């Protein structure tokens, strides 16, 4: 389950920022996650609750902001929406798509005390 490892990394970033910015408690963490990131949101929520126990993020809410997936179609020379990897271009049917968005997984911000 990669979601557990992801949450452990998030707690590591939180602890580093707590030292750097002198905060004592995290109330909310907002993540931006694209549909191509390969993350199971339900498992991520469960893992976050488990991993944050006893940390400065204990009891913090996890909010996920869903980002759209997009790709650059070489034949169309334009950005197009993508549903999943290896799908054809929805405009011309070409498979010459380069993913340009939707595989992100990043901490957007945190609410802290």
N, C-alpha and C. Protein backbone atom coordinates (compact mmCIF):
# COMPACT_ATOMS: atom_id res chain seq x y z
N UNK A 1 0.85 -1.18 0.00
CA UNK A 1 0.00 0.00 0.00
C UNK A 1 0.89 1.24 0.00
N UNK A 2 1.00 1.90 -1.14
CA UNK A 2 1.85 3.08 -1.25
C UNK A 2 1.30 4.27 -0.48
N UNK A 3 0.01 4.26 -0.20
CA UNK A 3 -0.61 5.40 0.50
C UNK A 3 -0.01 5.57 1.90
N UNK A 4 0.35 4.49 2.55
CA UNK A 4 0.97 4.56 3.87
C UNK A 4 2.32 5.28 3.77
N UNK A 5 3.10 4.91 2.78
CA UNK A 5 4.40 5.55 2.56
C UNK A 5 4.24 7.03 2.21
N UNK A 6 3.24 7.34 1.41
CA UNK A 6 2.96 8.74 1.05
C UNK A 6 2.66 9.54 2.31
N UNK A 7 1.83 9.00 3.18
CA UNK A 7 1.46 9.71 4.42
C UNK A 7 2.65 9.86 5.35
N UNK A 8 3.52 8.87 5.40
CA UNK A 8 4.73 8.99 6.20
C UNK A 8 5.60 10.13 5.69
N UNK A 9 5.68 10.27 4.37
CA UNK A 9 6.44 11.38 3.78
C UNK A 9 5.79 12.73 4.09
N UNK A 10 4.46 12.77 4.06
CA UNK A 10 3.75 14.01 4.39
C UNK A 10 4.04 14.42 5.82
N UNK A 11 4.02 13.47 6.76
CA UNK A 11 4.31 13.77 8.16
C UNK A 11 5.75 14.26 8.29
N UNK A 12 6.66 13.68 7.53
CA UNK A 12 8.05 14.15 7.54
C UNK A 12 8.16 15.61 7.11
N UNK A 13 7.44 15.97 6.05
CA UNK A 13 7.44 17.36 5.59
C UNK A 13 6.82 18.27 6.65
N UNK A 14 5.73 17.83 7.26
CA UNK A 14 5.08 18.62 8.31
C UNK A 14 6.04 18.87 9.46
N UNK A 15 6.76 17.83 9.89
CA UNK A 15 7.69 17.98 11.01
C UNK A 15 8.85 18.92 10.66
N UNK A 16 9.35 18.84 9.43
CA UNK A 16 10.41 19.75 8.99
C UNK A 16 9.92 21.19 8.99
N UNK A 17 8.72 21.41 8.49
CA UNK A 17 8.16 22.76 8.43
C UNK A 17 7.83 23.29 9.83
N UNK A 18 7.44 22.41 10.74
CA UNK A 18 7.15 22.83 12.11
C UNK A 18 8.40 23.40 12.76
N UNK A 19 9.53 22.77 12.52
CA UNK A 19 10.80 23.27 13.06
C UNK A 19 11.17 24.59 12.38
N UNK A 20 11.07 24.63 11.05
CA UNK A 20 11.47 25.81 10.29
C UNK A 20 10.58 27.01 10.55
N UNK A 21 9.27 26.77 10.78
CA UNK A 21 8.33 27.88 10.90
C UNK A 21 7.73 28.02 12.31
N UNK A 22 8.17 27.21 13.23
CA UNK A 22 7.79 27.30 14.65
C UNK A 22 6.29 27.21 14.90
N UNK A 23 5.65 26.20 14.37
CA UNK A 23 4.26 25.95 14.75
C UNK A 23 4.19 24.65 15.53
N UNK A 24 3.12 24.52 16.32
CA UNK A 24 3.01 23.40 17.25
C UNK A 24 1.93 22.39 16.90
N UNK A 25 0.97 22.79 16.05
CA UNK A 25 -0.18 21.93 15.77
C UNK A 25 -0.63 22.15 14.34
N UNK A 26 -0.99 21.07 13.67
CA UNK A 26 -1.55 21.14 12.33
C UNK A 26 -3.02 20.76 12.41
N UNK A 27 -3.88 21.61 11.87
CA UNK A 27 -5.32 21.37 11.91
C UNK A 27 -5.85 20.80 10.60
N UNK A 28 -5.22 21.18 9.49
CA UNK A 28 -5.67 20.69 8.19
C UNK A 28 -4.49 20.65 7.23
N UNK A 29 -4.50 19.62 6.38
CA UNK A 29 -3.53 19.51 5.30
C UNK A 29 -4.31 19.38 4.01
N UNK A 30 -3.99 20.23 3.04
CA UNK A 30 -4.64 20.15 1.72
C UNK A 30 -3.64 19.59 0.71
N UNK A 31 -4.08 18.54 0.02
CA UNK A 31 -3.25 17.93 -1.01
C UNK A 31 -3.90 18.15 -2.37
N UNK A 32 -3.08 18.35 -3.38
CA UNK A 32 -3.55 18.37 -4.76
C UNK A 32 -3.11 17.04 -5.38
N UNK A 33 -4.09 16.31 -5.90
CA UNK A 33 -3.81 14.99 -6.46
C UNK A 33 -4.52 14.86 -7.80
N UNK A 34 -3.77 14.46 -8.81
CA UNK A 34 -4.33 14.22 -10.12
C UNK A 34 -4.80 12.78 -10.25
N UNK A 35 -5.72 12.52 -11.17
CA UNK A 35 -6.27 11.17 -11.32
C UNK A 35 -5.25 10.16 -11.86
N UNK A 36 -4.14 10.64 -12.40
CA UNK A 36 -3.12 9.74 -12.94
C UNK A 36 -1.99 9.48 -11.94
N UNK A 37 -2.13 9.97 -10.73
CA UNK A 37 -1.09 9.80 -9.70
C UNK A 37 -1.09 8.38 -9.13
N UNK A 38 -2.14 7.63 -9.36
CA UNK A 38 -2.19 6.25 -8.87
C UNK A 38 -2.44 6.15 -7.37
N UNK A 39 -3.16 7.12 -6.82
CA UNK A 39 -3.42 7.15 -5.39
C UNK A 39 -4.87 6.79 -5.12
N UNK A 40 -5.08 5.87 -4.21
CA UNK A 40 -6.43 5.49 -3.76
C UNK A 40 -6.79 6.44 -2.61
N UNK A 41 -7.73 7.34 -2.84
CA UNK A 41 -8.06 8.40 -1.88
C UNK A 41 -8.56 7.83 -0.56
N UNK A 42 -9.39 6.82 -0.61
CA UNK A 42 -9.91 6.22 0.63
C UNK A 42 -8.78 5.62 1.46
N UNK A 43 -7.86 4.93 0.82
CA UNK A 43 -6.71 4.36 1.52
C UNK A 43 -5.80 5.47 2.05
N UNK A 44 -5.69 6.56 1.31
CA UNK A 44 -4.88 7.69 1.75
C UNK A 44 -5.46 8.31 3.02
N UNK A 45 -6.77 8.49 3.05
CA UNK A 45 -7.44 9.04 4.25
C UNK A 45 -7.22 8.14 5.46
N UNK A 46 -7.38 6.84 5.27
CA UNK A 46 -7.17 5.89 6.37
C UNK A 46 -5.72 5.94 6.85
N UNK A 47 -4.79 5.90 5.91
CA UNK A 47 -3.37 5.92 6.25
C UNK A 47 -2.98 7.21 6.96
N UNK A 48 -3.54 8.33 6.52
CA UNK A 48 -3.23 9.62 7.15
C UNK A 48 -3.64 9.59 8.62
N UNK A 49 -4.83 9.07 8.92
CA UNK A 49 -5.28 8.99 10.31
C UNK A 49 -4.35 8.11 11.14
N UNK A 50 -3.89 7.02 10.58
CA UNK A 50 -3.00 6.10 11.30
C UNK A 50 -1.63 6.72 11.53
N UNK A 51 -1.04 7.27 10.48
CA UNK A 51 0.33 7.79 10.54
C UNK A 51 0.44 9.04 11.40
N UNK A 52 -0.59 9.86 11.45
CA UNK A 52 -0.50 11.12 12.20
C UNK A 52 -0.75 10.95 13.70
N UNK A 53 -1.19 9.79 14.14
CA UNK A 53 -1.43 9.59 15.58
C UNK A 53 -0.16 9.84 16.37
N UNK A 54 -0.28 10.68 17.37
CA UNK A 54 0.86 10.99 18.23
C UNK A 54 1.80 12.04 17.65
N UNK A 55 1.52 12.54 16.48
CA UNK A 55 2.36 13.58 15.86
C UNK A 55 1.70 14.94 16.05
N UNK A 56 2.34 15.98 15.55
CA UNK A 56 1.73 17.32 15.65
C UNK A 56 0.52 17.46 14.72
N UNK A 57 0.32 16.47 13.85
CA UNK A 57 -0.85 16.48 12.95
C UNK A 57 -1.94 15.54 13.45
N UNK A 58 -1.82 15.06 14.69
CA UNK A 58 -2.83 14.16 15.25
C UNK A 58 -4.18 14.87 15.25
N UNK A 59 -5.18 14.26 14.62
CA UNK A 59 -6.52 14.84 14.55
C UNK A 59 -6.71 15.82 13.40
N UNK A 60 -5.67 16.05 12.63
CA UNK A 60 -5.78 16.99 11.52
C UNK A 60 -6.68 16.42 10.43
N UNK A 61 -7.38 17.31 9.76
CA UNK A 61 -8.23 16.92 8.64
C UNK A 61 -7.39 16.89 7.37
N UNK A 62 -7.63 15.91 6.53
CA UNK A 62 -6.97 15.82 5.23
C UNK A 62 -7.98 16.17 4.16
N UNK A 63 -7.68 17.19 3.38
CA UNK A 63 -8.55 17.60 2.28
C UNK A 63 -7.83 17.35 0.96
N UNK A 64 -8.51 16.68 0.05
CA UNK A 64 -7.92 16.37 -1.25
C UNK A 64 -8.58 17.23 -2.32
N UNK A 65 -7.77 17.93 -3.06
CA UNK A 65 -8.24 18.75 -4.18
C UNK A 65 -7.89 17.98 -5.45
N UNK A 66 -8.92 17.58 -6.18
CA UNK A 66 -8.73 16.80 -7.41
C UNK A 66 -8.33 17.71 -8.56
N UNK A 67 -7.23 17.38 -9.20
CA UNK A 67 -6.76 18.14 -10.36
C UNK A 67 -7.16 17.40 -11.63
N UNK A 68 -7.37 18.12 -12.71
CA UNK A 68 -7.73 17.46 -13.98
C UNK A 68 -6.49 16.87 -14.65
N UNK A 69 -6.72 15.88 -15.47
CA UNK A 69 -5.64 15.29 -16.26
C UNK A 69 -5.67 15.88 -17.67
N UNK A 70 -4.49 16.13 -18.21
CA UNK A 70 -4.40 16.69 -19.56
C UNK A 70 -3.17 16.15 -20.26
N UNK A 71 -3.18 16.28 -21.56
CA UNK A 71 -2.04 15.84 -22.35
C UNK A 71 -1.88 16.73 -23.57
N UNK A 72 -0.67 16.71 -24.14
CA UNK A 72 -0.39 17.46 -25.35
C UNK A 72 -0.44 16.49 -26.51
N UNK A 73 -1.32 16.78 -27.46
CA UNK A 73 -1.47 15.94 -28.65
C UNK A 73 -0.58 16.51 -29.75
N UNK A 74 0.37 15.72 -30.22
CA UNK A 74 1.30 16.18 -31.26
C UNK A 74 0.58 16.49 -32.58
N UNK A 75 -0.26 15.58 -33.10
CA UNK A 75 -0.94 15.90 -34.36
C UNK A 75 -1.88 17.10 -34.29
N UNK A 76 -2.60 17.23 -33.19
CA UNK A 76 -3.53 18.37 -33.03
C UNK A 76 -2.80 19.65 -32.65
N UNK A 77 -1.62 19.49 -32.05
CA UNK A 77 -0.84 20.63 -31.53
C UNK A 77 -1.64 21.43 -30.52
N UNK A 78 -2.30 20.68 -29.60
CA UNK A 78 -3.08 21.36 -28.57
C UNK A 78 -3.19 20.48 -27.33
N UNK A 79 -3.54 21.12 -26.23
CA UNK A 79 -3.76 20.43 -24.97
C UNK A 79 -5.17 19.87 -24.96
N UNK A 80 -5.29 18.60 -24.53
CA UNK A 80 -6.60 17.94 -24.51
C UNK A 80 -6.82 17.27 -23.16
N UNK A 81 -8.08 17.09 -22.74
CA UNK A 81 -8.34 16.37 -21.50
C UNK A 81 -8.03 14.89 -21.67
N UNK A 82 -7.55 14.27 -20.60
CA UNK A 82 -7.19 12.86 -20.62
C UNK A 82 -7.94 12.16 -19.49
N UNK A 83 -8.51 11.00 -19.77
CA UNK A 83 -9.20 10.23 -18.73
C UNK A 83 -8.25 9.27 -18.04
N UNK A 84 -7.40 8.59 -18.83
CA UNK A 84 -6.41 7.68 -18.26
C UNK A 84 -5.23 7.56 -19.20
N UNK A 85 -4.12 7.07 -18.68
CA UNK A 85 -2.92 6.91 -19.49
C UNK A 85 -3.20 5.98 -20.68
N UNK A 86 -2.53 6.26 -21.77
CA UNK A 86 -2.58 5.44 -22.98
C UNK A 86 -3.92 5.50 -23.72
N UNK A 87 -4.79 6.42 -23.34
CA UNK A 87 -6.01 6.66 -24.12
C UNK A 87 -5.65 7.47 -25.37
N UNK A 88 -6.45 7.35 -26.41
CA UNK A 88 -6.20 8.17 -27.60
C UNK A 88 -6.67 9.61 -27.37
N UNK A 89 -6.22 10.49 -28.22
CA UNK A 89 -6.65 11.89 -28.18
C UNK A 89 -8.16 11.92 -28.41
N UNK A 90 -8.91 12.62 -27.55
CA UNK A 90 -10.36 12.69 -27.75
C UNK A 90 -10.77 13.50 -28.99
N UNK A 91 -9.84 14.26 -29.55
CA UNK A 91 -10.14 15.08 -30.73
C UNK A 91 -9.85 14.35 -32.04
N UNK A 92 -8.63 13.78 -32.16
CA UNK A 92 -8.23 13.19 -33.44
C UNK A 92 -8.02 11.68 -33.40
N UNK A 93 -8.01 11.08 -32.20
CA UNK A 93 -7.83 9.63 -32.08
C UNK A 93 -6.38 9.18 -32.07
N UNK A 94 -5.44 10.09 -32.15
CA UNK A 94 -4.02 9.75 -32.16
C UNK A 94 -3.58 9.27 -30.77
N UNK A 95 -2.56 8.41 -30.76
CA UNK A 95 -1.98 7.95 -29.50
C UNK A 95 -0.69 8.70 -29.17
N UNK A 96 -0.44 9.78 -29.89
CA UNK A 96 0.77 10.57 -29.66
C UNK A 96 0.50 11.66 -28.62
N UNK A 97 0.14 11.22 -27.43
CA UNK A 97 -0.16 12.15 -26.33
C UNK A 97 0.98 12.12 -25.32
N UNK A 98 1.36 13.30 -24.88
CA UNK A 98 2.32 13.43 -23.79
C UNK A 98 1.56 14.00 -22.60
N UNK A 99 1.56 13.29 -21.49
CA UNK A 99 0.85 13.74 -20.30
C UNK A 99 1.48 15.04 -19.79
N UNK A 100 0.65 16.05 -19.59
CA UNK A 100 1.14 17.35 -19.10
C UNK A 100 0.54 17.73 -17.75
N UNK A 101 -0.45 16.98 -17.30
CA UNK A 101 -1.06 17.27 -16.00
C UNK A 101 -1.92 16.12 -15.56
N UNK A 102 -2.09 16.01 -14.25
CA UNK A 102 -2.94 14.96 -13.71
C UNK A 102 -2.17 13.89 -12.97
N UNK A 103 -0.84 13.94 -12.99
CA UNK A 103 -0.06 12.96 -12.25
C UNK A 103 0.58 13.58 -11.01
N UNK A 104 0.11 14.76 -10.63
CA UNK A 104 0.66 15.47 -9.47
C UNK A 104 0.17 14.86 -8.16
N UNK A 105 1.01 15.01 -7.15
CA UNK A 105 0.65 14.72 -5.77
C UNK A 105 1.52 15.65 -4.94
N UNK A 106 0.91 16.70 -4.40
CA UNK A 106 1.70 17.68 -3.65
C UNK A 106 0.87 18.28 -2.51
N UNK A 107 1.59 18.76 -1.52
CA UNK A 107 0.95 19.49 -0.43
C UNK A 107 0.70 20.90 -0.92
N UNK A 108 -0.57 21.30 -0.92
CA UNK A 108 -0.91 22.65 -1.36
C UNK A 108 -0.67 23.64 -0.23
N UNK A 109 -1.25 23.34 0.95
CA UNK A 109 -1.04 24.19 2.12
C UNK A 109 -1.49 23.46 3.38
N UNK A 110 -1.26 24.12 4.51
CA UNK A 110 -1.65 23.56 5.81
C UNK A 110 -2.21 24.69 6.67
N UNK A 111 -3.16 24.34 7.52
CA UNK A 111 -3.64 25.26 8.54
C UNK A 111 -2.99 24.84 9.85
N UNK A 112 -2.30 25.77 10.48
CA UNK A 112 -1.51 25.44 11.67
C UNK A 112 -1.78 26.42 12.80
N UNK A 113 -1.42 26.03 14.00
CA UNK A 113 -1.46 26.90 15.19
C UNK A 113 -0.04 27.09 15.69
